[in-house]
N, C-alpha and C. Protein backbone atom coordinates (compact mmCIF):
# COMPACT_ATOMS: atom_id res chain seq x y z
N MET A 1 178.11 -45.87 -50.57
CA MET A 1 177.10 -45.21 -50.31
C MET A 1 176.39 -45.02 -51.73
N ASN A 2 174.76 -45.26 -51.76
CA ASN A 2 174.22 -45.34 -52.60
C ASN A 2 173.52 -44.23 -52.87
N PHE A 3 173.19 -43.39 -54.25
CA PHE A 3 172.33 -42.47 -54.28
C PHE A 3 171.25 -42.88 -55.01
N PRO A 4 170.22 -42.31 -54.97
CA PRO A 4 169.05 -42.71 -55.69
C PRO A 4 169.05 -42.18 -57.05
N VAL A 5 168.01 -42.82 -57.92
CA VAL A 5 167.88 -42.37 -59.82
C VAL A 5 167.04 -41.38 -59.42
N LEU A 6 166.94 -40.47 -59.70
CA LEU A 6 166.60 -39.04 -59.42
C LEU A 6 165.35 -38.98 -61.04
N PHE A 7 166.36 -39.37 -62.31
CA PHE A 7 165.57 -39.49 -63.74
C PHE A 7 165.82 -41.03 -64.21
N ASP A 8 164.54 -41.42 -64.78
CA ASP A 8 165.00 -42.35 -65.59
C ASP A 8 165.26 -42.19 -67.11
N GLU A 9 165.12 -42.92 -68.08
CA GLU A 9 165.55 -42.48 -69.32
C GLU A 9 164.94 -41.73 -70.24
N SER A 10 163.72 -41.53 -69.50
CA SER A 10 162.69 -40.70 -70.55
C SER A 10 162.78 -39.16 -69.82
N TYR A 11 163.70 -38.59 -68.90
CA TYR A 11 164.12 -37.39 -68.71
C TYR A 11 164.61 -36.79 -69.78
N ASP A 12 164.42 -35.36 -70.37
CA ASP A 12 164.65 -34.86 -71.44
C ASP A 12 165.74 -33.83 -70.82
N PHE A 13 166.54 -33.88 -70.68
CA PHE A 13 167.99 -32.87 -70.46
C PHE A 13 168.02 -32.07 -71.41
N LYS A 14 168.27 -30.70 -70.86
CA LYS A 14 168.07 -29.65 -71.76
C LYS A 14 169.47 -28.80 -71.26
N ILE A 15 170.18 -28.87 -71.88
CA ILE A 15 171.20 -27.34 -71.47
C ILE A 15 170.86 -26.41 -71.14
N GLY A 16 171.21 -25.57 -69.94
CA GLY A 16 170.63 -24.09 -69.60
C GLY A 16 169.06 -24.36 -68.90
N LYS A 17 168.72 -25.37 -68.61
CA LYS A 17 167.15 -25.42 -67.94
C LYS A 17 167.41 -26.20 -66.91
N GLY A 18 166.66 -26.07 -65.82
CA GLY A 18 166.67 -26.56 -64.75
C GLY A 18 165.34 -27.25 -64.37
N THR A 19 165.01 -28.28 -63.25
CA THR A 19 163.96 -29.23 -63.63
C THR A 19 163.27 -28.82 -61.98
N VAL A 20 162.14 -28.46 -61.69
CA VAL A 20 161.40 -28.35 -60.55
C VAL A 20 161.43 -29.94 -59.86
N VAL A 21 161.93 -30.42 -59.14
CA VAL A 21 161.95 -31.81 -58.69
C VAL A 21 160.86 -31.97 -57.69
N ARG A 22 160.54 -30.93 -56.83
CA ARG A 22 159.39 -30.93 -55.83
C ARG A 22 159.11 -29.48 -55.60
N GLU A 23 157.86 -29.56 -55.61
CA GLU A 23 157.42 -28.15 -55.43
C GLU A 23 157.28 -27.45 -53.88
N GLY A 24 157.10 -26.31 -53.61
CA GLY A 24 157.45 -25.93 -52.38
C GLY A 24 157.22 -24.52 -52.29
N ARG A 25 156.48 -23.87 -50.87
CA ARG A 25 156.13 -22.44 -50.91
C ARG A 25 156.98 -21.67 -50.18
N ASP A 26 157.80 -22.21 -49.16
CA ASP A 26 158.40 -21.30 -48.14
C ASP A 26 159.92 -21.06 -48.35
N VAL A 27 160.59 -21.90 -49.11
CA VAL A 27 162.08 -21.64 -49.41
C VAL A 27 162.30 -22.58 -50.95
N SER A 28 163.27 -22.11 -51.60
CA SER A 28 164.02 -22.94 -52.83
C SER A 28 164.89 -23.41 -52.50
N ILE A 29 165.34 -24.75 -52.68
CA ILE A 29 166.54 -25.03 -52.68
C ILE A 29 167.07 -25.69 -53.66
N VAL A 30 168.09 -24.91 -54.27
CA VAL A 30 168.58 -24.84 -56.00
C VAL A 30 169.73 -25.87 -55.51
N ALA A 31 169.92 -26.83 -56.21
CA ALA A 31 171.07 -28.04 -56.19
C ALA A 31 171.35 -28.36 -57.34
N THR A 32 172.42 -29.20 -57.42
CA THR A 32 173.08 -29.67 -58.33
C THR A 32 173.78 -31.14 -58.08
N GLY A 33 174.06 -32.06 -58.80
CA GLY A 33 174.44 -33.24 -58.58
C GLY A 33 173.96 -34.11 -57.54
N LEU A 34 174.88 -34.56 -56.78
CA LEU A 34 174.21 -35.39 -55.45
C LEU A 34 173.48 -34.81 -54.42
N MET A 35 173.78 -33.29 -54.25
CA MET A 35 173.27 -32.75 -53.60
C MET A 35 171.58 -32.40 -53.51
N VAL A 36 171.34 -32.78 -55.10
CA VAL A 36 169.97 -32.89 -55.17
C VAL A 36 169.28 -33.83 -54.33
N SER A 37 169.99 -35.14 -54.38
CA SER A 37 169.18 -36.17 -53.60
C SER A 37 169.17 -36.18 -52.01
N GLN A 38 170.34 -35.12 -51.36
CA GLN A 38 170.56 -34.92 -50.15
C GLN A 38 169.71 -33.42 -49.75
N SER A 39 169.30 -33.01 -51.01
CA SER A 39 168.17 -31.93 -50.63
C SER A 39 166.70 -32.67 -50.31
N LEU A 40 166.37 -33.58 -51.24
CA LEU A 40 165.06 -34.27 -51.10
C LEU A 40 165.26 -34.76 -49.52
N LYS A 41 166.15 -35.48 -49.33
CA LYS A 41 166.25 -35.94 -47.69
C LYS A 41 165.88 -34.91 -46.75
N ALA A 42 166.52 -33.62 -47.19
CA ALA A 42 166.30 -32.67 -45.79
C ALA A 42 164.65 -32.17 -45.99
N VAL A 43 164.21 -32.15 -47.14
CA VAL A 43 163.12 -31.65 -47.33
C VAL A 43 162.01 -32.32 -46.43
N GLU A 44 162.45 -33.84 -46.54
CA GLU A 44 161.43 -34.79 -45.69
C GLU A 44 161.41 -34.38 -44.40
N SER A 45 162.53 -34.23 -43.97
CA SER A 45 162.42 -33.40 -42.46
C SER A 45 161.89 -32.56 -42.32
N LEU A 46 162.08 -31.26 -43.08
CA LEU A 46 161.43 -29.98 -43.39
C LEU A 46 160.04 -30.07 -43.14
N GLU A 47 159.48 -30.92 -43.98
CA GLU A 47 158.05 -31.06 -43.95
C GLU A 47 157.10 -31.35 -42.81
N GLN A 48 157.83 -32.24 -41.81
CA GLN A 48 157.79 -32.81 -40.58
C GLN A 48 157.61 -31.43 -39.79
N GLU A 49 158.30 -30.89 -39.85
CA GLU A 49 158.36 -29.30 -39.08
C GLU A 49 157.47 -28.19 -39.39
N GLY A 50 156.56 -28.51 -40.63
CA GLY A 50 155.82 -27.54 -41.54
C GLY A 50 156.76 -26.90 -42.35
N ILE A 51 157.42 -27.00 -42.58
CA ILE A 51 158.03 -25.97 -43.91
C ILE A 51 158.28 -26.71 -45.01
N SER A 52 157.78 -26.02 -45.99
CA SER A 52 157.63 -26.43 -47.52
C SER A 52 158.67 -26.16 -48.61
N ALA A 53 159.38 -26.87 -48.83
CA ALA A 53 160.46 -26.53 -49.20
C ALA A 53 160.69 -27.09 -50.77
N GLN A 54 160.67 -26.24 -51.96
CA GLN A 54 160.68 -26.73 -53.37
C GLN A 54 162.52 -26.86 -53.43
N VAL A 55 162.68 -27.96 -54.36
CA VAL A 55 163.66 -28.51 -54.85
C VAL A 55 163.81 -28.44 -56.10
N ILE A 56 165.00 -27.79 -56.45
CA ILE A 56 165.22 -27.57 -57.93
C ILE A 56 166.48 -28.09 -58.36
N ASN A 57 166.29 -29.19 -59.41
CA ASN A 57 167.69 -29.72 -60.01
C ASN A 57 168.33 -28.86 -60.89
N ILE A 58 169.66 -28.28 -61.00
CA ILE A 58 170.14 -27.52 -61.82
C ILE A 58 171.24 -28.26 -62.63
N SER A 59 171.47 -28.63 -63.67
CA SER A 59 172.13 -29.87 -64.36
C SER A 59 173.31 -28.78 -64.88
N THR A 60 173.00 -27.46 -65.39
CA THR A 60 174.19 -26.95 -65.94
C THR A 60 174.34 -25.26 -64.98
N ILE A 61 175.35 -25.06 -64.80
CA ILE A 61 175.47 -24.12 -64.22
C ILE A 61 175.81 -22.97 -65.53
N LYS A 62 176.27 -23.38 -66.37
CA LYS A 62 176.72 -22.26 -67.45
C LYS A 62 176.47 -22.81 -68.96
N PRO A 63 175.44 -22.91 -69.17
CA PRO A 63 174.56 -21.36 -69.12
C PRO A 63 173.20 -21.69 -67.83
N LEU A 64 172.94 -20.87 -67.23
CA LEU A 64 172.28 -21.00 -65.71
C LEU A 64 170.93 -20.74 -66.43
N ASP A 65 169.67 -21.53 -65.72
CA ASP A 65 168.09 -21.27 -65.91
C ASP A 65 168.23 -19.97 -65.17
N GLN A 66 168.18 -18.61 -65.59
CA GLN A 66 167.95 -17.82 -64.51
C GLN A 66 166.27 -17.48 -64.55
N GLU A 67 166.31 -17.74 -65.48
CA GLU A 67 164.29 -17.71 -65.46
C GLU A 67 163.58 -18.48 -64.04
N LEU A 68 164.18 -19.59 -64.17
CA LEU A 68 163.69 -20.58 -63.00
C LEU A 68 163.97 -19.88 -61.73
N ILE A 69 165.33 -19.71 -61.56
CA ILE A 69 165.50 -19.18 -60.37
C ILE A 69 164.82 -17.75 -59.91
N ILE A 70 164.74 -17.11 -60.85
CA ILE A 70 164.15 -15.81 -60.29
C ILE A 70 162.99 -16.01 -60.15
N GLN A 71 162.13 -17.01 -61.10
CA GLN A 71 160.52 -17.26 -60.36
C GLN A 71 160.44 -18.20 -59.30
N ALA A 72 161.67 -18.76 -58.97
CA ALA A 72 161.37 -19.54 -57.80
C ALA A 72 161.50 -18.54 -56.51
N ALA A 73 162.31 -17.24 -56.83
CA ALA A 73 163.06 -16.93 -55.83
C ALA A 73 161.48 -15.44 -55.39
N ARG A 74 161.17 -15.20 -56.19
CA ARG A 74 159.85 -14.42 -56.17
C ARG A 74 158.51 -15.27 -55.52
N THR A 75 158.64 -16.73 -55.78
CA THR A 75 157.51 -17.50 -55.39
C THR A 75 157.83 -17.91 -53.85
N THR A 76 158.83 -18.14 -53.39
CA THR A 76 159.11 -18.52 -52.26
C THR A 76 159.87 -17.55 -51.07
N GLY A 77 160.52 -16.36 -51.80
CA GLY A 77 161.28 -15.22 -51.00
C GLY A 77 162.68 -15.43 -50.13
N ALA A 78 162.80 -17.06 -50.23
CA ALA A 78 164.39 -17.28 -49.69
C ALA A 78 164.63 -18.33 -50.55
N VAL A 79 166.07 -18.54 -50.77
CA VAL A 79 166.87 -19.77 -51.47
C VAL A 79 168.22 -20.11 -50.76
N VAL A 80 168.16 -21.54 -50.70
CA VAL A 80 169.55 -22.35 -50.57
C VAL A 80 169.93 -22.97 -51.62
N THR A 81 171.29 -22.48 -51.74
CA THR A 81 172.02 -23.46 -52.91
C THR A 81 172.59 -24.47 -52.15
N ALA A 82 172.85 -25.84 -52.86
CA ALA A 82 173.57 -26.87 -52.59
C ALA A 82 174.13 -27.93 -53.39
N GLU A 83 175.78 -27.55 -53.20
CA GLU A 83 176.27 -28.07 -54.35
C GLU A 83 177.69 -29.09 -53.44
N GLU A 84 178.32 -30.01 -54.17
CA GLU A 84 179.40 -30.71 -53.61
C GLU A 84 180.61 -29.79 -54.73
N HIS A 85 180.80 -28.49 -54.23
CA HIS A 85 181.87 -27.70 -54.94
C HIS A 85 182.07 -26.79 -54.18
N SER A 86 182.88 -26.07 -54.51
CA SER A 86 183.41 -24.63 -53.77
C SER A 86 181.97 -23.68 -53.84
N ILE A 87 181.93 -22.95 -52.79
CA ILE A 87 180.88 -22.16 -52.68
C ILE A 87 181.67 -21.04 -53.73
N ILE A 88 182.85 -20.60 -53.87
CA ILE A 88 183.07 -19.77 -54.55
C ILE A 88 183.40 -19.97 -56.18
N GLY A 89 182.66 -19.34 -57.03
CA GLY A 89 182.68 -19.60 -58.33
C GLY A 89 181.84 -20.69 -58.97
N GLY A 90 180.93 -21.18 -58.30
CA GLY A 90 179.79 -22.49 -58.46
C GLY A 90 178.67 -22.20 -58.67
N LEU A 91 178.03 -22.85 -58.26
CA LEU A 91 176.47 -22.84 -58.42
C LEU A 91 176.07 -21.58 -57.56
N GLY A 92 176.29 -21.81 -56.07
CA GLY A 92 176.05 -20.64 -55.15
C GLY A 92 176.43 -19.00 -55.72
N SER A 93 177.52 -18.97 -56.14
CA SER A 93 178.07 -17.79 -56.80
C SER A 93 177.07 -17.39 -57.66
N ALA A 94 176.74 -18.14 -58.57
CA ALA A 94 176.20 -17.89 -60.06
C ALA A 94 174.71 -17.50 -59.57
N VAL A 95 174.08 -18.34 -58.85
CA VAL A 95 172.41 -17.91 -58.14
C VAL A 95 172.23 -16.60 -57.63
N ALA A 96 173.60 -16.39 -56.75
CA ALA A 96 173.69 -15.27 -55.92
C ALA A 96 173.72 -14.02 -57.24
N GLU A 97 174.58 -14.11 -57.80
CA GLU A 97 174.33 -13.08 -59.04
C GLU A 97 173.23 -12.70 -59.47
N VAL A 98 172.44 -13.75 -60.00
CA VAL A 98 171.36 -13.58 -60.56
C VAL A 98 170.32 -13.00 -59.47
N LEU A 99 170.20 -13.51 -58.11
CA LEU A 99 169.31 -12.90 -57.39
C LEU A 99 169.71 -11.48 -57.12
N SER A 100 170.96 -10.97 -57.04
CA SER A 100 170.93 -9.52 -56.32
C SER A 100 171.05 -8.74 -57.65
N GLU A 101 170.82 -9.10 -58.67
CA GLU A 101 170.46 -8.37 -59.76
C GLU A 101 169.06 -8.18 -60.12
N ASN A 102 168.48 -9.42 -59.74
CA ASN A 102 167.00 -9.59 -60.31
C ASN A 102 165.78 -9.27 -58.93
N CYS A 103 166.20 -10.12 -58.18
CA CYS A 103 165.14 -10.31 -56.92
C CYS A 103 166.31 -10.79 -55.65
N PRO A 104 166.56 -9.68 -54.99
CA PRO A 104 167.63 -9.74 -53.78
C PRO A 104 166.50 -10.28 -52.81
N ILE A 105 166.88 -11.24 -52.11
CA ILE A 105 166.12 -11.91 -51.20
C ILE A 105 167.31 -12.89 -50.58
N PRO A 106 167.03 -13.31 -49.29
CA PRO A 106 168.17 -14.24 -48.26
C PRO A 106 168.15 -15.18 -48.80
N LEU A 107 169.67 -15.58 -48.70
CA LEU A 107 170.23 -16.36 -49.55
C LEU A 107 171.48 -16.90 -48.56
N ARG A 108 171.17 -18.66 -48.84
CA ARG A 108 172.67 -19.41 -47.92
C ARG A 108 173.03 -20.24 -49.08
N ARG A 109 174.33 -20.59 -48.55
CA ARG A 109 174.92 -21.19 -49.84
C ARG A 109 175.79 -22.53 -48.95
N ILE A 110 175.43 -23.60 -49.52
CA ILE A 110 175.75 -24.76 -48.86
C ILE A 110 176.86 -25.42 -49.64
N GLY A 111 178.04 -25.59 -49.72
CA GLY A 111 179.30 -26.26 -50.60
C GLY A 111 180.19 -26.21 -49.58
N THR A 112 181.12 -26.55 -50.52
CA THR A 112 182.56 -26.29 -49.98
C THR A 112 183.14 -25.24 -49.40
N GLN A 113 183.98 -24.83 -48.19
CA GLN A 113 184.47 -23.51 -48.18
C GLN A 113 185.95 -23.29 -48.60
N ASP A 114 186.39 -22.32 -48.52
CA ASP A 114 187.68 -22.14 -49.50
C ASP A 114 188.76 -22.64 -48.57
N THR A 115 188.56 -24.06 -48.45
CA THR A 115 189.64 -24.70 -47.70
C THR A 115 190.47 -25.90 -48.62
N PRO A 116 191.51 -26.41 -48.40
CA PRO A 116 192.23 -27.66 -49.23
C PRO A 116 191.15 -28.95 -48.82
N GLY A 117 191.51 -29.94 -49.89
CA GLY A 117 190.33 -30.97 -49.86
C GLY A 117 191.01 -31.86 -49.16
N THR A 118 190.28 -33.17 -49.21
CA THR A 118 190.75 -33.99 -48.39
C THR A 118 189.95 -35.46 -48.97
N SER A 119 190.54 -36.70 -48.58
CA SER A 119 190.10 -37.88 -48.78
C SER A 119 189.66 -38.64 -47.88
N GLY A 120 188.60 -39.83 -48.52
CA GLY A 120 187.72 -40.31 -47.39
C GLY A 120 186.61 -41.01 -47.80
N LYS A 121 185.73 -41.77 -47.13
CA LYS A 121 184.61 -42.19 -47.93
C LYS A 121 183.43 -41.15 -47.80
N PRO A 122 182.42 -41.51 -48.54
CA PRO A 122 181.73 -40.42 -49.31
C PRO A 122 180.68 -39.94 -48.22
N VAL A 123 180.51 -40.69 -47.18
CA VAL A 123 179.65 -40.60 -46.28
C VAL A 123 180.29 -39.62 -45.07
N GLU A 124 181.36 -39.78 -44.93
CA GLU A 124 182.52 -38.74 -44.08
C GLU A 124 182.61 -37.67 -44.60
N LEU A 125 182.67 -37.68 -45.51
CA LEU A 125 183.03 -36.32 -46.64
C LEU A 125 182.22 -35.49 -46.83
N LEU A 126 180.72 -36.20 -46.90
CA LEU A 126 179.42 -35.12 -46.82
C LEU A 126 179.52 -34.31 -45.49
N GLU A 127 179.75 -35.17 -44.47
CA GLU A 127 179.92 -34.74 -42.88
C GLU A 127 180.80 -33.89 -42.71
N HIS A 128 182.12 -34.03 -43.18
CA HIS A 128 183.38 -33.09 -43.08
C HIS A 128 183.18 -31.80 -43.78
N TYR A 129 182.39 -31.70 -44.97
CA TYR A 129 181.88 -30.52 -45.89
C TYR A 129 180.91 -30.10 -45.56
N GLN A 130 180.25 -30.50 -44.44
CA GLN A 130 178.73 -30.02 -44.24
C GLN A 130 178.04 -30.20 -45.54
N LEU A 131 178.22 -31.23 -46.15
CA LEU A 131 177.27 -31.47 -47.52
C LEU A 131 175.84 -32.15 -47.24
N ASN A 132 175.31 -32.47 -46.12
CA ASN A 132 174.23 -33.53 -45.82
C ASN A 132 172.93 -32.99 -45.67
N PRO A 133 172.31 -33.69 -45.30
CA PRO A 133 170.60 -33.12 -44.92
C PRO A 133 170.59 -31.86 -43.92
N ARG A 134 171.64 -32.68 -42.75
CA ARG A 134 171.48 -31.63 -41.30
C ARG A 134 171.86 -30.46 -41.60
N HIS A 135 172.86 -30.26 -42.56
CA HIS A 135 173.29 -29.00 -42.87
C HIS A 135 172.23 -28.29 -43.88
N ILE A 136 171.73 -28.50 -44.72
CA ILE A 136 170.84 -27.87 -45.36
C ILE A 136 169.52 -27.74 -44.73
N ILE A 137 168.94 -28.37 -43.79
CA ILE A 137 168.14 -28.01 -42.78
C ILE A 137 168.20 -26.85 -42.17
N SER A 138 169.52 -26.70 -41.34
CA SER A 138 170.14 -25.65 -40.92
C SER A 138 170.16 -24.46 -41.78
N ALA A 139 170.58 -24.43 -42.94
CA ALA A 139 170.70 -23.48 -43.50
C ALA A 139 169.35 -23.11 -44.07
N VAL A 140 168.26 -23.93 -44.31
CA VAL A 140 166.86 -23.45 -44.66
C VAL A 140 166.37 -22.50 -43.39
N LYS A 141 166.47 -23.24 -42.32
CA LYS A 141 166.08 -22.49 -40.98
C LYS A 141 166.78 -20.90 -40.84
N GLU A 142 167.76 -20.74 -41.32
CA GLU A 142 168.63 -19.64 -41.20
C GLU A 142 168.27 -18.52 -42.05
N VAL A 143 168.00 -19.06 -43.31
CA VAL A 143 167.55 -18.32 -44.37
C VAL A 143 166.22 -17.63 -44.18
N LEU A 144 164.94 -18.72 -43.47
CA LEU A 144 163.52 -18.35 -43.27
C LEU A 144 163.87 -17.46 -42.30
N GLN A 145 164.97 -17.11 -41.23
CA GLN A 145 164.82 -16.28 -40.44
C GLN A 145 164.90 -14.93 -40.83
N GLN A 146 165.74 -14.96 -42.02
CA GLN A 146 165.93 -13.43 -42.58
C GLN A 146 164.82 -12.72 -43.17
N LYS A 147 163.74 -13.86 -43.64
CA LYS A 147 162.74 -13.49 -44.52
C LYS A 147 162.06 -12.44 -43.86
């Protein structure tokens, strides 16, 4: 399975700074790692349904770009996090902490649940752990119903 190159050599990586990869007004998808490309695929489908989703790439969870997350939350009013990591103690937890203290809004976390790991092909693992665009789309629709 190939994943697209999102940033070329000119990308200015900064520790503690996220990057808005795609603008949107209805929901913010805050993603890290390969889940950024999965989120961008989900956004294409959401757009066909009239849902405008912002995608933010978070390259470092600690330090976390709290300012960007708060700004995104205030702009869209709903957040979905997406990570290929446990939702416990990862990006989803860090974003939940920031939002609960600064801008409480509906939040859904996409990531591995508190279950043992398994092996397999990347596409199969993304489906097994519900980390593909279909599951991101579902989480976006759920969080939008809570707005």
